[in-house]
């Protein structure tokens, strides 16, 4: 789908890319085909596409898989897709807010753990990533187009400025691989930032149990949020002053030492294994 054809569709249907929703439509079909190829889909797959838009990614995806379930929040786009016949017969379109989607129910419809493809609106990338984490038990993989800054945070390692909450939590649930850099000229309207396609491969529960000791995922999230809330503070001060957890300072100190962590270090120095160990020690005094 060319830039001019996209502009023509938007004009004729009185549609406009929503700044509020962060809509940037992918223009080049060849780029879309490359993304589908890098995703590693098979003819037997059912794939959920988050944000169908004008279908630039949907088309090549539908050619390579058994079924596409497409979620789209924009009612104007839904109406155009239904009347234009733009989508292939193996695409099921659902009018749905992505952040309110019932992923366990979708997994049941798909007959297994979810395989997701998306050119995500920039405005919802962070909450959507946390929603994927919340539903990791029903996730196989997700191939996502993200702004470069977010992609860098997903793959960041301890000791770097990009390393933060999402870096730690995603490392505990999945392996993240950068697949493709995509420049602003690939979209309409043209964004002000570069984009990166990543593949998030979620670990099955048995494998995750081998990789990390058993722990309370909700407490882990609170501990990680607490640690990074003021990242220049020491861990001891961040944890003991946190609004997310309520542990006395001496309990925090004892838990840090029991986990083999220097209380004066900072959050950005800890690995996912460190955070899991700390969570386990804090759970003993909860």
C-alpha atoms as a PDB file:
ATOM      1  CA  UNK A   1       0.000   0.000   0.000  1.00  0.00           C
ATOM      2  CA  UNK A   2       1.604   3.273  -1.137  1.00  0.00           C
ATOM      3  CA  UNK A   3       1.670   6.568   0.740  1.00  0.00           C
ATOM      4  CA  UNK A   4      -0.662   8.122  -1.829  1.00  0.00           C
ATOM      5  CA  UNK A   5      -3.175   5.273  -1.599  1.00  0.00           C
ATOM      6  CA  UNK A   6      -3.194   5.573   2.191  1.00  0.00           C
ATOM      7  CA  UNK A   7      -3.762   9.307   1.940  1.00  0.00           C
ATOM      8  CA  UNK A   8      -6.554   8.720  -0.589  1.00  0.00           C
ATOM      9  CA  UNK A   9      -8.283   6.189   1.684  1.00  0.00           C
ATOM     10  CA  UNK A  10      -8.026   8.433   4.725  1.00  0.00           C
ATOM     11  CA  UNK A  11      -9.378  11.409   2.777  1.00  0.00           C
ATOM     12  CA  UNK A  12     -12.242   9.569   1.054  1.00  0.00           C
ATOM     13  CA  UNK A  13     -13.363   7.884   4.284  1.00  0.00           C
ATOM     14  CA  UNK A  14     -12.916  11.074   6.315  1.00  0.00           C
ATOM     15  CA  UNK A  15     -10.431   9.314   8.551  1.00  0.00           C
ATOM     16  CA  UNK A  16      -7.458  11.012  10.143  1.00  0.00           C
ATOM     17  CA  UNK A  17      -4.558   9.430  12.020  1.00  0.00           C
ATOM     18  CA  UNK A  18      -5.305   9.979  15.690  1.00  0.00           C
ATOM     19  CA  UNK A  19      -2.573  11.803  17.615  1.00  0.00           C
ATOM     20  CA  UNK A  20      -4.270  10.769  20.851  1.00  0.00           C
ATOM     21  CA  UNK A  21      -4.027   7.108  19.868  1.00  0.00           C
ATOM     22  CA  UNK A  22      -0.556   7.508  18.407  1.00  0.00           C
ATOM     23  CA  UNK A  23      -1.563   6.125  15.009  1.00  0.00           C
ATOM     24  CA  UNK A  24       1.245   5.873  12.452  1.00  0.00           C
ATOM     25  CA  UNK A  25       0.298   3.655   9.516  1.00  0.00           C
ATOM     26  CA  UNK A  26       2.986   1.448   7.993  1.00  0.00           C
ATOM     27  CA  UNK A  27       3.294   2.327   4.311  1.00  0.00           C
ATOM     28  CA  UNK A  28       5.573  -0.195   2.619  1.00  0.00           C
ATOM     29  CA  UNK A  29       4.216  -3.681   2.000  1.00  0.00           C
ATOM     30  CA  UNK A  30       7.732  -5.070   1.488  1.00  0.00           C
ATOM     31  CA  UNK A  31       8.676  -3.968   5.005  1.00  0.00           C
ATOM     32  CA  UNK A  32       5.512  -5.634   6.281  1.00  0.00           C
ATOM     33  CA  UNK A  33       6.401  -8.841   4.428  1.00  0.00           C
ATOM     34  CA  UNK A  34       9.891  -8.754   5.965  1.00  0.00           C
ATOM     35  CA  UNK A  35       8.400  -8.420   9.450  1.00  0.00           C
ATOM     36  CA  UNK A  36       6.123 -11.418   8.837  1.00  0.00           C
ATOM     37  CA  UNK A  37       9.076 -13.471   7.581  1.00  0.00           C
ATOM     38  CA  UNK A  38      11.220 -12.530  10.589  1.00  0.00           C
ATOM     39  CA  UNK A  39       8.363 -13.465  12.939  1.00  0.00           C
ATOM     40  CA  UNK A  40       8.767 -17.066  11.818  1.00  0.00           C
ATOM     41  CA  UNK A  41       5.071 -17.822  11.319  1.00  0.00           C
ATOM     42  CA  UNK A  42       3.927 -21.131   9.821  1.00  0.00           C
ATOM     43  CA  UNK A  43       0.909 -22.105   7.648  1.00  0.00           C
ATOM     44  CA  UNK A  44      -0.715 -23.746  10.682  1.00  0.00           C
ATOM     45  CA  UNK A  45      -0.556 -20.663  12.911  1.00  0.00           C
ATOM     46  CA  UNK A  46      -3.401 -18.542  14.186  1.00  0.00           C
ATOM     47  CA  UNK A  47      -1.950 -15.095  14.885  1.00  0.00           C
ATOM     48  CA  UNK A  48      -3.549 -12.206  16.753  1.00  0.00           C
ATOM     49  CA  UNK A  49      -2.790  -8.816  15.219  1.00  0.00           C
ATOM     50  CA  UNK A  50      -3.098  -5.902  17.608  1.00  0.00           C
ATOM     51  CA  UNK A  51      -4.186  -2.811  15.697  1.00  0.00           C
ATOM     52  CA  UNK A  52      -5.099  -3.770  12.124  1.00  0.00           C
ATOM     53  CA  UNK A  53      -5.222  -0.214  10.804  1.00  0.00           C
ATOM     54  CA  UNK A  54      -5.420  -0.110   7.022  1.00  0.00           C
ATOM     55  CA  UNK A  55      -4.111  -3.663   6.728  1.00  0.00           C
ATOM     56  CA  UNK A  56      -0.588  -3.178   5.397  1.00  0.00           C
ATOM     57  CA  UNK A  57       0.728  -5.791   7.833  1.00  0.00           C
ATOM     58  CA  UNK A  58      -2.447  -7.881   7.818  1.00  0.00           C
ATOM     59  CA  UNK A  59      -2.207  -8.702   4.111  1.00  0.00           C
ATOM     60  CA  UNK A  60       1.190 -10.440   4.045  1.00  0.00           C
ATOM     61  CA  UNK A  61       0.436 -12.048   7.430  1.00  0.00           C
ATOM     62  CA  UNK A  62      -2.815 -13.586   6.157  1.00  0.00           C
ATOM     63  CA  UNK A  63      -0.922 -15.049   3.188  1.00  0.00           C
ATOM     64  CA  UNK A  64       1.406 -17.005   5.496  1.00  0.00           C
ATOM     65  CA  UNK A  65      -0.847 -18.294   8.295  1.00  0.00           C
ATOM     66  CA  UNK A  66      -4.041 -20.265   8.764  1.00  0.00           C
ATOM     67  CA  UNK A  67      -6.002 -17.494  10.480  1.00  0.00           C
ATOM     68  CA  UNK A  68      -5.584 -13.893  11.626  1.00  0.00           C
ATOM     69  CA  UNK A  69      -7.666 -12.465  14.465  1.00  0.00           C
ATOM     70  CA  UNK A  70      -7.350  -8.712  14.159  1.00  0.00           C
ATOM     71  CA  UNK A  71      -8.216  -6.286  16.948  1.00  0.00           C
ATOM     72  CA  UNK A  72      -8.902  -2.653  16.096  1.00  0.00           C
ATOM     73  CA  UNK A  73     -10.265   0.167  18.265  1.00  0.00           C
ATOM     74  CA  UNK A  74     -10.987   2.719  15.523  1.00  0.00           C
ATOM     75  CA  UNK A  75     -14.647   2.363  14.486  1.00  0.00           C
ATOM     76  CA  UNK A  76     -14.073   4.336  11.290  1.00  0.00           C
ATOM     77  CA  UNK A  77     -11.357   1.915  10.205  1.00  0.00           C
ATOM     78  CA  UNK A  78     -13.574  -1.031  11.165  1.00  0.00           C
ATOM     79  CA  UNK A  79     -16.366   0.320   8.948  1.00  0.00           C
ATOM     80  CA  UNK A  80     -13.995   0.867   6.017  1.00  0.00           C
ATOM     81  CA  UNK A  81     -12.439  -2.586   6.337  1.00  0.00           C
ATOM     82  CA  UNK A  82     -15.874  -4.233   6.413  1.00  0.00           C
ATOM     83  CA  UNK A  83     -17.196  -2.364   3.381  1.00  0.00           C
ATOM     84  CA  UNK A  84     -14.042  -2.321   1.254  1.00  0.00           C
ATOM     85  CA  UNK A  85     -13.346  -6.052   1.291  1.00  0.00           C
ATOM     86  CA  UNK A  86      -9.690  -5.184   1.832  1.00  0.00           C
ATOM     87  CA  UNK A  87      -9.023  -8.108   4.163  1.00  0.00           C
ATOM     88  CA  UNK A  88      -8.573 -11.762   3.189  1.00  0.00           C
ATOM     89  CA  UNK A  89     -11.206 -14.382   4.031  1.00  0.00           C
ATOM     90  CA  UNK A  90      -9.052 -15.872   6.789  1.00  0.00           C
ATOM     91  CA  UNK A  91      -9.025 -12.588   8.753  1.00  0.00           C
ATOM     92  CA  UNK A  92     -11.521 -12.096  11.580  1.00  0.00           C
ATOM     93  CA  UNK A  93     -11.856  -8.444  12.579  1.00  0.00           C
ATOM     94  CA  UNK A  94     -12.897  -7.543  16.132  1.00  0.00           C
ATOM     95  CA  UNK A  95     -13.735  -4.034  17.374  1.00  0.00           C
ATOM     96  CA  UNK A  96     -11.640  -3.968  20.542  1.00  0.00           C
ATOM     97  CA  UNK A  97      -9.596  -1.677  22.751  1.00  0.00           C
ATOM     98  CA  UNK A  98      -6.226  -3.478  22.923  1.00  0.00           C
ATOM     99  CA  UNK A  99      -5.709  -2.596  26.574  1.00  0.00           C
ATOM    100  CA  UNK A 100      -9.062  -4.184  27.465  1.00  0.00           C
ATOM    101  CA  UNK A 101      -8.629  -7.337  25.398  1.00  0.00           C
ATOM    102  CA  UNK A 102      -9.212 -10.645  27.180  1.00  0.00           C
ATOM    103  CA  UNK A 103      -6.035 -12.526  26.279  1.00  0.00           C
ATOM    104  CA  UNK A 104      -6.949 -15.784  28.072  1.00  0.00           C
ATOM    105  CA  UNK A 105     -10.220 -15.863  26.122  1.00  0.00           C
ATOM    106  CA  UNK A 106      -8.355 -15.184  22.871  1.00  0.00           C
ATOM    107  CA  UNK A 107      -5.964 -18.018  23.698  1.00  0.00           C
ATOM    108  CA  UNK A 108      -8.939 -20.362  24.051  1.00  0.00           C
ATOM    109  CA  UNK A 109     -10.244 -19.215  20.667  1.00  0.00           C
ATOM    110  CA  UNK A 110      -6.817 -19.828  19.131  1.00  0.00           C
ATOM    111  CA  UNK A 111      -6.483 -23.245  20.727  1.00  0.00           C
ATOM    112  CA  UNK A 112      -3.213 -22.551  22.496  1.00  0.00           C
ATOM    113  CA  UNK A 113      -0.767 -19.920  23.703  1.00  0.00           C
ATOM    114  CA  UNK A 114      -0.998 -16.659  21.791  1.00  0.00           C
ATOM    115  CA  UNK A 115       1.172 -15.572  18.893  1.00  0.00           C
ATOM    116  CA  UNK A 116       0.902 -11.807  18.485  1.00  0.00           C
ATOM    117  CA  UNK A 117       1.957  -9.386  15.762  1.00  0.00           C
ATOM    118  CA  UNK A 118       1.545  -5.632  16.072  1.00  0.00           C
ATOM    119  CA  UNK A 119       2.579  -2.225  14.837  1.00  0.00           C
ATOM    120  CA  UNK A 120       1.750  -0.707  18.201  1.00  0.00           C
ATOM    121  CA  UNK A 121       0.562   2.855  18.629  1.00  0.00           C
ATOM    122  CA  UNK A 122       3.360   4.571  20.522  1.00  0.00           C
ATOM    123  CA  UNK A 123       0.903   5.925  23.084  1.00  0.00           C
ATOM    124  CA  UNK A 124       0.026   2.462  24.440  1.00  0.00           C
ATOM    125  CA  UNK A 125       3.291   0.560  24.044  1.00  0.00           C
ATOM    126  CA  UNK A 126       4.248   0.662  27.732  1.00  0.00           C
ATOM    127  CA  UNK A 127       0.861  -0.352  29.206  1.00  0.00           C
ATOM    128  CA  UNK A 128       0.500  -3.032  26.525  1.00  0.00           C
ATOM    129  CA  UNK A 129       3.896  -4.513  27.423  1.00  0.00           C
ATOM    130  CA  UNK A 130       2.832  -4.770  31.057  1.00  0.00           C
ATOM    131  CA  UNK A 131      -0.458  -6.351  29.951  1.00  0.00           C
ATOM    132  CA  UNK A 132       1.513  -8.990  28.050  1.00  0.00           C
ATOM    133  CA  UNK A 133       3.523  -9.664  31.190  1.00  0.00           C
ATOM    134  CA  UNK A 134       0.337  -9.992  33.246  1.00  0.00           C
ATOM    135  CA  UNK A 135      -0.882 -12.599  30.758  1.00  0.00           C
ATOM    136  CA  UNK A 136       2.438 -14.355  30.127  1.00  0.00           C
ATOM    137  CA  UNK A 137       0.951 -17.748  30.976  1.00  0.00           C
ATOM    138  CA  UNK A 138      -1.057 -17.630  27.714  1.00  0.00           C
ATOM    139  CA  UNK A 139       1.696 -16.030  25.576  1.00  0.00           C
ATOM    140  CA  UNK A 140       3.900 -17.897  23.090  1.00  0.00           C
ATOM    141  CA  UNK A 141       5.512 -14.899  21.431  1.00  0.00           C
ATOM    142  CA  UNK A 142       4.857 -11.316  20.401  1.00  0.00           C
ATOM    143  CA  UNK A 143       6.486  -9.531  17.469  1.00  0.00           C
ATOM    144  CA  UNK A 144       6.049  -5.814  18.048  1.00  0.00           C
ATOM    145  CA  UNK A 145       6.956  -2.594  16.274  1.00  0.00           C
ATOM    146  CA  UNK A 146       8.038  -0.203  19.020  1.00  0.00           C
ATOM    147  CA  UNK A 147       9.693   3.169  19.246  1.00  0.00           C
ATOM    148  CA  UNK A 148      13.443   2.653  19.469  1.00  0.00           C
ATOM    149  CA  UNK A 149      13.658   3.982  23.028  1.00  0.00           C
ATOM    150  CA  UNK A 150      11.229   1.349  24.316  1.00  0.00           C
ATOM    151  CA  UNK A 151      12.965  -1.436  22.380  1.00  0.00           C
ATOM    152  CA  UNK A 152      16.282  -0.405  23.919  1.00  0.00           C
ATOM    153  CA  UNK A 153      14.765  -0.599  27.405  1.00  0.00           C
ATOM    154  CA  UNK A 154      13.421  -4.082  26.702  1.00  0.00           C
ATOM    155  CA  UNK A 155      16.858  -5.412  25.799  1.00  0.00           C
ATOM    156  CA  UNK A 156      18.920  -3.326  28.254  1.00  0.00           C
ATOM    157  CA  UNK A 157      21.409  -4.992  30.593  1.00  0.00           C
ATOM    158  CA  UNK A 158      22.361  -4.048  34.159  1.00  0.00           C
ATOM    159  CA  UNK A 159      24.568  -1.004  34.498  1.00  0.00           C
ATOM    160  CA  UNK A 160      23.159   0.883  31.503  1.00  0.00           C
ATOM    161  CA  UNK A 161      20.983   3.996  31.579  1.00  0.00           C
ATOM    162  CA  UNK A 162      18.227   2.214  29.627  1.00  0.00           C
ATOM    163  CA  UNK A 163      17.963  -0.544  32.243  1.00  0.00           C
ATOM    164  CA  UNK A 164      14.803  -0.227  34.304  1.00  0.00           C
ATOM    165  CA  UNK A 165      11.542  -1.779  35.450  1.00  0.00           C
ATOM    166  CA  UNK A 166      10.439  -3.257  32.113  1.00  0.00           C
ATOM    167  CA  UNK A 167      13.986  -4.569  31.456  1.00  0.00           C
ATOM    168  CA  UNK A 168      13.971  -6.556  34.694  1.00  0.00           C
ATOM    169  CA  UNK A 169      10.413  -7.855  34.561  1.00  0.00           C
ATOM    170  CA  UNK A 170      10.636  -8.908  30.916  1.00  0.00           C
ATOM    171  CA  UNK A 171      13.942 -10.694  31.579  1.00  0.00           C
ATOM    172  CA  UNK A 172      12.104 -12.806  34.141  1.00  0.00           C
ATOM    173  CA  UNK A 173       9.405 -13.882  31.720  1.00  0.00           C
ATOM    174  CA  UNK A 174      10.856 -13.898  28.210  1.00  0.00           C
ATOM    175  CA  UNK A 175      13.769 -13.569  25.809  1.00  0.00           C
ATOM    176  CA  UNK A 176      13.713 -10.367  23.739  1.00  0.00           C
ATOM    177  CA  UNK A 177      15.441 -10.137  20.359  1.00  0.00           C
ATOM    178  CA  UNK A 178      15.711  -7.098  18.107  1.00  0.00           C
ATOM    179  CA  UNK A 179      14.753  -8.071  14.544  1.00  0.00           C
ATOM    180  CA  UNK A 180      14.617  -4.958  12.353  1.00  0.00           C
ATOM    181  CA  UNK A 181      15.232  -1.208  12.421  1.00  0.00           C
ATOM    182  CA  UNK A 182      12.516   0.835  10.705  1.00  0.00           C
ATOM    183  CA  UNK A 183      12.976   4.514   9.855  1.00  0.00           C
ATOM    184  CA  UNK A 184      10.364   7.282  10.127  1.00  0.00           C
ATOM    185  CA  UNK A 185       9.909   7.358   6.344  1.00  0.00           C
ATOM    186  CA  UNK A 186       8.162   3.962   6.508  1.00  0.00           C
ATOM    187  CA  UNK A 187       5.077   5.506   8.151  1.00  0.00           C
ATOM    188  CA  UNK A 188       2.258   7.973   7.607  1.00  0.00           C
ATOM    189  CA  UNK A 189       2.203  10.303   9.363  1.00  0.00           C
ATOM    190  CA  UNK A 190       5.962  10.345   9.714  1.00  0.00           C
ATOM    191  CA  UNK A 191       6.949   9.907  13.395  1.00  0.00           C
ATOM    192  CA  UNK A 192       9.759  11.900  14.964  1.00  0.00           C
ATOM    193  CA  UNK A 193      11.572   8.793  16.176  1.00  0.00           C
ATOM    194  CA  UNK A 194      13.015   5.583  14.771  1.00  0.00           C
ATOM    195  CA  UNK A 195      11.243   2.272  15.345  1.00  0.00           C
ATOM    196  CA  UNK A 196      12.515  -1.224  16.065  1.00  0.00           C
ATOM    197  CA  UNK A 197      10.770  -4.570  15.579  1.00  0.00           C
ATOM    198  CA  UNK A 198      11.376  -6.956  18.482  1.00  0.00           C
ATOM    199  CA  UNK A 199      10.370 -10.543  19.159  1.00  0.00           C
ATOM    200  CA  UNK A 200       9.416 -11.395  22.722  1.00  0.00           C
ATOM    201  CA  UNK A 201       9.555 -15.164  23.236  1.00  0.00           C
ATOM    202  CA  UNK A 202       7.842 -16.049  26.496  1.00  0.00           C
ATOM    203  CA  UNK A 203       9.276 -18.897  28.547  1.00  0.00           C
ATOM    204  CA  UNK A 204       6.883 -21.801  29.220  1.00  0.00           C
ATOM    205  CA  UNK A 205       6.148 -22.236  32.920  1.00  0.00           C
ATOM    206  CA  UNK A 206       8.325 -25.378  33.417  1.00  0.00           C
ATOM    207  CA  UNK A 207      11.301 -23.730  31.712  1.00  0.00           C
ATOM    208  CA  UNK A 208      10.860 -20.532  33.716  1.00  0.00           C
ATOM    209  CA  UNK A 209      10.846 -22.570  36.932  1.00  0.00           C
ATOM    210  CA  UNK A 210      14.272 -23.911  35.992  1.00  0.00           C
ATOM    211  CA  UNK A 211      15.625 -20.482  35.056  1.00  0.00           C
ATOM    212  CA  UNK A 212      14.431 -18.729  38.227  1.00  0.00           C
ATOM    213  CA  UNK A 213      13.490 -19.912  41.714  1.00  0.00           C
ATOM    214  CA  UNK A 214       9.810 -19.899  42.600  1.00  0.00           C
ATOM    215  CA  UNK A 215       8.671 -16.434  43.667  1.00  0.00           C
ATOM    216  CA  UNK A 216       5.645 -14.184  44.065  1.00  0.00           C
ATOM    217  CA  UNK A 217       5.386 -12.269  40.739  1.00  0.00           C
ATOM    218  CA  UNK A 218       3.257  -9.509  42.262  1.00  0.00           C
ATOM    219  CA  UNK A 219       5.731  -8.903  45.062  1.00  0.00           C
ATOM    220  CA  UNK A 220       8.572  -9.008  42.530  1.00  0.00           C
ATOM    221  CA  UNK A 221       6.912  -6.252  40.506  1.00  0.00           C
ATOM    222  CA  UNK A 222       6.438  -4.110  43.630  1.00  0.00           C
ATOM    223  CA  UNK A 223      10.045  -4.637  44.672  1.00  0.00           C
ATOM    224  CA  UNK A 224      11.361  -3.707  41.213  1.00  0.00           C
ATOM    225  CA  UNK A 225       9.140  -0.612  41.051  1.00  0.00           C
ATOM    226  CA  UNK A 226      10.307   0.384  44.515  1.00  0.00           C
ATOM    227  CA  UNK A 227      13.954  -0.078  43.619  1.00  0.00           C
ATOM    228  CA  UNK A 228      13.735   2.100  40.507  1.00  0.00           C
ATOM    229  CA  UNK A 229      11.363   4.796  41.791  1.00  0.00           C
ATOM    230  CA  UNK A 230      14.361   7.027  42.568  1.00  0.00           C
ATOM    231  CA  UNK A 231      17.140   5.216  40.784  1.00  0.00           C
ATOM    232  CA  UNK A 232      19.935   7.417  42.115  1.00  0.00           C
ATOM    233  CA  UNK A 233      19.132   6.406  45.699  1.00  0.00           C
ATOM    234  CA  UNK A 234      20.651   3.371  47.323  1.00  0.00           C
ATOM    235  CA  UNK A 235      18.528   0.234  47.292  1.00  0.00           C
ATOM    236  CA  UNK A 236      18.073   0.364  51.041  1.00  0.00           C
ATOM    237  CA  UNK A 237      16.689   3.907  50.935  1.00  0.00           C
ATOM    238  CA  UNK A 238      14.496   3.240  47.890  1.00  0.00           C
ATOM    239  CA  UNK A 239      12.940   0.112  49.373  1.00  0.00           C
ATOM    240  CA  UNK A 240      12.363   1.516  52.845  1.00  0.00           C
ATOM    241  CA  UNK A 241      10.740   4.714  51.486  1.00  0.00           C
ATOM    242  CA  UNK A 242       8.595   2.991  48.860  1.00  0.00           C
ATOM    243  CA  UNK A 243       4.830   3.572  48.601  1.00  0.00           C
ATOM    244  CA  UNK A 244       4.496   0.130  46.935  1.00  0.00           C
ATOM    245  CA  UNK A 245       5.814  -2.043  49.767  1.00  0.00           C
ATOM    246  CA  UNK A 246       5.727  -1.556  53.532  1.00  0.00           C
ATOM    247  CA  UNK A 247       8.834  -3.060  55.079  1.00  0.00           C
ATOM    248  CA  UNK A 248      10.769  -1.533  57.954  1.00  0.00           C
ATOM    249  CA  UNK A 249      14.219  -0.283  57.034  1.00  0.00           C
ATOM    250  CA  UNK A 250      15.932  -2.906  59.149  1.00  0.00           C
ATOM    251  CA  UNK A 251      13.901  -5.666  57.495  1.00  0.00           C
ATOM    252  CA  UNK A 252      14.934  -4.321  54.090  1.00  0.00           C
ATOM    253  CA  UNK A 253      18.572  -4.270  55.177  1.00  0.00           C
ATOM    254  CA  UNK A 254      18.373  -7.824  56.473  1.00  0.00           C
ATOM    255  CA  UNK A 255      16.684  -9.060  53.283  1.00  0.00           C
ATOM    256  CA  UNK A 256      19.309  -7.395  51.094  1.00  0.00           C
ATOM    257  CA  UNK A 257      22.164  -8.930  53.049  1.00  0.00           C
ATOM    258  CA  UNK A 258      20.491 -12.359  53.075  1.00  0.00           C
ATOM    259  CA  UNK A 259      20.165 -12.142  49.285  1.00  0.00           C
ATOM    260  CA  UNK A 260      23.860 -11.292  48.973  1.00  0.00           C
ATOM    261  CA  UNK A 261      23.218  -7.697  47.900  1.00  0.00           C
ATOM    262  CA  UNK A 262      25.072  -4.629  49.167  1.00  0.00           C
ATOM    263  CA  UNK A 263      22.409  -2.295  50.671  1.00  0.00           C
ATOM    264  CA  UNK A 264      24.309   0.744  49.361  1.00  0.00           C
ATOM    265  CA  UNK A 265      24.216  -0.349  45.705  1.00  0.00           C
ATOM    266  CA  UNK A 266      21.657   0.985  43.223  1.00  0.00           C
ATOM    267  CA  UNK A 267      18.845  -0.780  41.388  1.00  0.00           C
ATOM    268  CA  UNK A 268      20.500  -0.543  37.979  1.00  0.00           C
ATOM    269  CA  UNK A 269      23.251  -2.919  39.172  1.00  0.00           C
ATOM    270  CA  UNK A 270      20.931  -5.828  39.993  1.00  0.00           C
ATOM    271  CA  UNK A 271      20.126  -8.708  37.659  1.00  0.00           C
ATOM    272  CA  UNK A 272      16.741 -10.410  37.477  1.00  0.00           C
ATOM    273  CA  UNK A 273      18.242 -13.205  39.599  1.00  0.00           C
ATOM    274  CA  UNK A 274      19.193 -10.655  42.262  1.00  0.00           C
ATOM    275  CA  UNK A 275      15.679  -9.216  42.319  1.00  0.00           C
ATOM    276  CA  UNK A 276      14.118 -12.667  42.596  1.00  0.00           C
ATOM    277  CA  UNK A 277      16.439 -13.537  45.487  1.00  0.00           C
ATOM    278  CA  UNK A 278      15.581 -10.248  47.220  1.00  0.00           C
ATOM    279  CA  UNK A 279      11.853 -10.841  46.686  1.00  0.00           C
ATOM    280  CA  UNK A 280      12.195 -14.264  48.290  1.00  0.00           C
ATOM    281  CA  UNK A 281      13.899 -12.823  51.360  1.00  0.00           C
ATOM    282  CA  UNK A 282      11.335 -10.027  51.710  1.00  0.00           C
ATOM    283  CA  UNK A 283       8.517 -12.557  51.430  1.00  0.00           C
ATOM    284  CA  UNK A 284       9.836 -14.253  54.569  1.00  0.00           C
ATOM    285  CA  UNK A 285       9.157 -11.134  56.638  1.00  0.00           C
ATOM    286  CA  UNK A 286       5.919 -10.062  54.931  1.00  0.00           C
END
